[in-house]
Amino acid sequence: MQREQQDKLMDEMFSPVNQNILPASIEERLDTYEHRMNLEDEGIDYRIVKEKFLNYRVFTCKMTLAKHTSIAVHALAYSTLARKRAQGRIEYAIDSVHYMNRDDIRLISLKYYNTLAQTNFLHVSDLIYHTPSLEKELQLRAVLTCKAYDLTPIFVVQNIPEGKFSLTLDAKVYEDTKEKLIILSKFS
């Protein structure tokens, strides 16, 4: 009830299918406190400080061709769609980035993703279940958009679709706080 009144997402109740440790998640907190216990056992002085940041969670991401055929699709970290659903077709491409005629949506092939991210996924479903770290995806986003704080919807597909298709993305970007463990220097 308290989260509802504060209009805050109960993000600690979500776990990604890829099992990555997400910022401000239960798993990240457990790692922090396990590290803290190790530091205490070793007699190392530390502090835990709070940091504010923009967090991101994906709830649903799917692509449909011809209203019936589902295609595996991965939304690059921090991709957002205002209306959660868009229909259209690829209008043009620049340097292996394909631009949809709606909502500034961009698509890249898995092959191009592999080249940029220096990975070797064979299928988009492999990428979905074994997504590289958030930091690596943010580096990739920076290469693709050349801007900080970019929320452009960027999707990875096996092959760029021809003809009309629809994309659904239910994702949220929100202000959050997380704890960071800092080891104090002997000379501070």
Protein backbone atom coordinates (compact mmCIF):
# COMPACT_ATOMS: atom_id res chain seq x y z
CA MET A 1 0.00 0.00 0.00
CA GLN A 2 2.83 2.38 0.87
CA ARG A 3 4.44 1.89 -2.57
CA GLU A 4 1.09 2.53 -4.24
CA GLN A 5 0.56 5.76 -2.30
CA GLN A 6 4.07 6.92 -3.24
CA ASP A 7 3.51 5.86 -6.87
CA LYS A 8 6.68 3.76 -6.64
CA LEU A 9 7.32 0.57 -8.54
CA MET A 10 7.80 -2.54 -6.39
CA ASP A 11 10.81 -3.48 -8.50
CA GLU A 12 12.33 -5.82 -5.95
CA MET A 13 9.51 -8.24 -6.76
CA PHE A 14 10.71 -8.65 -10.37
CA SER A 15 13.50 -10.86 -11.67
CA PRO A 16 14.65 -10.71 -15.29
CA VAL A 17 14.53 -13.86 -17.41
CA ASN A 18 18.25 -13.46 -18.10
CA GLN A 19 19.12 -13.63 -14.38
CA ASN A 20 21.27 -10.47 -14.57
CA ILE A 21 21.63 -8.56 -11.35
CA LEU A 22 19.75 -5.31 -11.89
CA PRO A 23 20.38 -2.01 -10.10
CA ALA A 24 18.55 -1.71 -6.76
CA SER A 25 17.33 -5.30 -6.97
CA ILE A 26 17.19 -7.75 -4.09
CA GLU A 27 20.12 -9.61 -5.66
CA GLU A 28 22.25 -6.46 -5.78
CA ARG A 29 21.43 -5.70 -2.14
CA LEU A 30 22.33 -9.24 -1.09
CA ASP A 31 25.68 -8.92 -2.92
CA THR A 32 26.36 -5.58 -1.19
CA TYR A 33 25.61 -6.94 2.26
CA GLU A 34 27.62 -10.11 1.67
CA HIS A 35 30.57 -7.90 0.67
CA ARG A 36 29.95 -5.82 3.80
CA MET A 37 30.12 -8.92 6.02
CA ASN A 38 33.41 -9.95 4.36
CA LEU A 39 34.87 -6.48 5.01
CA GLU A 40 33.79 -6.66 8.65
CA ASP A 41 35.39 -10.11 9.01
CA GLU A 42 38.64 -8.67 7.58
CA GLY A 43 38.48 -5.53 9.78
CA ILE A 44 38.30 -3.19 6.77
CA ASP A 45 36.59 0.17 7.36
CA TYR A 46 33.75 1.02 4.97
CA ARG A 47 30.65 3.14 4.57
CA ILE A 48 27.38 2.54 2.79
CA VAL A 49 26.12 5.59 0.92
CA LYS A 50 22.89 6.09 -0.99
CA GLU A 51 22.89 7.13 -4.64
CA LYS A 52 20.00 8.43 -6.71
CA PHE A 53 19.80 7.24 -10.30
CA LEU A 54 17.41 6.48 -13.16
CA ASN A 55 16.40 2.84 -13.03
CA TYR A 56 14.82 0.76 -15.81
CA ARG A 57 12.66 -2.36 -15.96
CA VAL A 58 11.09 -4.23 -18.89
CA PHE A 59 7.80 -6.04 -18.25
CA THR A 60 6.84 -7.11 -21.78
CA CYS A 61 8.59 -6.99 -25.14
CA LYS A 62 7.23 -8.66 -28.24
CA MET A 63 7.10 -8.35 -32.01
CA THR A 64 4.39 -9.65 -34.33
CA LEU A 65 4.46 -9.99 -38.11
CA ALA A 66 1.22 -10.15 -40.10
CA LYS A 67 -0.82 -10.07 -36.86
CA HIS A 68 -0.07 -13.72 -36.05
CA THR A 69 3.61 -14.59 -36.24
CA SER A 70 5.60 -13.83 -33.07
CA ILE A 71 9.24 -12.95 -33.58
CA ALA A 72 11.88 -13.05 -30.84
CA VAL A 73 12.91 -9.49 -30.03
CA HIS A 74 15.16 -7.88 -27.44
CA ALA A 75 14.76 -4.27 -26.28
CA LEU A 76 18.09 -2.60 -25.65
CA ALA A 77 18.36 -1.26 -22.08
CA TYR A 78 16.51 2.05 -21.54
CA SER A 79 14.29 1.65 -24.61
CA THR A 80 10.84 3.15 -24.08
CA LEU A 81 7.61 3.43 -26.06
CA ALA A 82 5.15 6.14 -25.01
CA ARG A 83 2.04 4.16 -25.95
CA LYS A 84 3.53 0.70 -25.32
CA ARG A 85 2.57 -0.44 -28.83
CA ALA A 86 3.50 0.66 -32.34
CA GLN A 87 2.71 -0.61 -35.82
CA GLY A 88 4.57 0.23 -38.98
CA ARG A 89 7.36 -0.78 -41.31
CA ILE A 90 11.00 -0.01 -41.89
CA GLU A 91 11.30 3.25 -43.80
CA TYR A 92 15.08 3.49 -44.30
CA ALA A 93 18.45 2.33 -42.94
CA ILE A 94 21.66 4.15 -42.07
CA ASP A 95 24.81 2.16 -41.23
CA SER A 96 22.95 -1.07 -40.34
CA VAL A 97 20.43 0.77 -38.15
CA HIS A 98 16.90 0.43 -39.54
CA TYR A 99 14.39 3.18 -38.82
CA MET A 100 10.70 2.43 -38.44
CA ASN A 101 8.16 4.96 -39.71
CA ARG A 102 6.67 5.32 -36.21
CA ASP A 103 7.80 6.54 -32.78
CA ASP A 104 11.51 6.92 -33.64
CA ILE A 105 11.88 3.15 -33.34
CA ARG A 106 15.13 1.62 -34.52
CA LEU A 107 15.93 -2.01 -35.26
CA ILE A 108 19.29 -3.71 -35.55
CA SER A 109 20.02 -7.26 -36.57
CA LEU A 110 21.51 -9.74 -34.14
CA LYS A 111 24.55 -9.92 -36.42
CA TYR A 112 25.11 -6.16 -36.04
CA TYR A 113 24.53 -6.40 -32.27
CA ASN A 114 27.17 -9.15 -32.09
CA THR A 115 29.62 -6.98 -34.02
CA LEU A 116 29.12 -3.92 -31.82
CA ALA A 117 28.92 -5.78 -28.50
CA GLN A 118 31.66 -8.28 -29.40
CA THR A 119 29.36 -11.20 -28.62
CA ASN A 120 28.49 -14.31 -30.62
CA PHE A 121 24.81 -15.03 -30.06
CA LEU A 122 23.27 -17.36 -32.65
CA HIS A 123 19.62 -16.52 -31.92
CA VAL A 124 17.81 -13.57 -30.37
CA SER A 125 16.36 -15.94 -27.76
CA ASP A 126 19.96 -16.63 -26.63
CA LEU A 127 20.44 -12.87 -26.22
CA ILE A 128 17.17 -12.57 -24.27
CA TYR A 129 18.14 -15.30 -21.80
CA HIS A 130 21.84 -14.35 -21.54
CA THR A 131 21.83 -10.59 -21.99
CA PRO A 132 25.22 -8.95 -21.35
CA SER A 133 25.51 -6.66 -18.35
CA LEU A 134 23.58 -3.42 -18.15
CA GLU A 135 26.87 -1.52 -18.44
CA LYS A 136 27.69 -3.28 -21.72
CA GLU A 137 24.22 -2.55 -23.13
CA LEU A 138 24.54 1.11 -22.13
CA GLN A 139 27.91 1.28 -23.93
CA LEU A 140 26.22 -0.19 -27.01
CA ARG A 141 23.38 2.34 -26.72
CA ALA A 142 25.94 5.17 -26.57
CA VAL A 143 27.57 3.88 -29.78
CA LEU A 144 24.20 3.66 -31.55
CA THR A 145 22.78 7.02 -30.44
CA CYS A 146 25.85 9.18 -29.69
CA LYS A 147 23.91 10.77 -26.81
CA ALA A 148 23.79 10.44 -23.05
CA TYR A 149 20.38 9.83 -21.46
CA ASP A 150 18.89 8.54 -24.69
CA LEU A 151 15.61 6.58 -24.38
CA THR A 152 15.11 5.86 -28.08
CA PRO A 153 13.46 2.45 -28.54
CA ILE A 154 16.09 0.17 -30.06
CA PHE A 155 15.19 -3.45 -30.76
CA VAL A 156 17.37 -6.39 -31.73
CA VAL A 157 15.89 -8.97 -34.12
CA GLN A 158 17.33 -11.98 -35.93
CA ASN A 159 16.60 -10.45 -39.34
CA ILE A 160 15.11 -7.07 -40.19
CA PRO A 161 11.45 -7.66 -41.10
CA GLU A 162 9.98 -6.74 -44.45
CA GLY A 163 6.47 -5.35 -44.54
CA LYS A 164 4.23 -4.30 -41.68
CA PHE A 165 4.85 -5.43 -38.10
CA SER A 166 3.89 -4.43 -34.57
CA LEU A 167 6.02 -3.97 -31.48
CA THR A 168 4.89 -4.03 -27.88
CA LEU A 169 7.14 -2.70 -25.13
CA ASP A 170 5.97 -2.19 -21.59
CA ALA A 171 8.98 -0.70 -19.84
CA LYS A 172 9.49 1.91 -17.17
CA VAL A 173 12.24 4.44 -16.45
CA TYR A 174 12.01 5.84 -12.93
CA GLU A 175 13.97 7.66 -10.25
CA ASP A 176 15.38 5.25 -7.69
CA THR A 177 17.90 5.01 -4.87
CA LYS A 178 20.49 2.31 -4.28
CA GLU A 179 23.16 1.65 -1.73
CA LYS A 180 26.85 1.66 -2.62
CA LEU A 181 29.58 0.24 -0.44
CA ILE A 182 32.73 2.39 -0.22
CA ILE A 183 35.97 1.18 1.34
CA LEU A 184 37.60 3.93 3.38
CA SER A 185 41.25 4.72 2.86
CA LYS A 186 43.66 4.54 5.80
CA PHE A 187 44.79 8.05 4.92
CA SER A 188 41.42 9.85 4.80
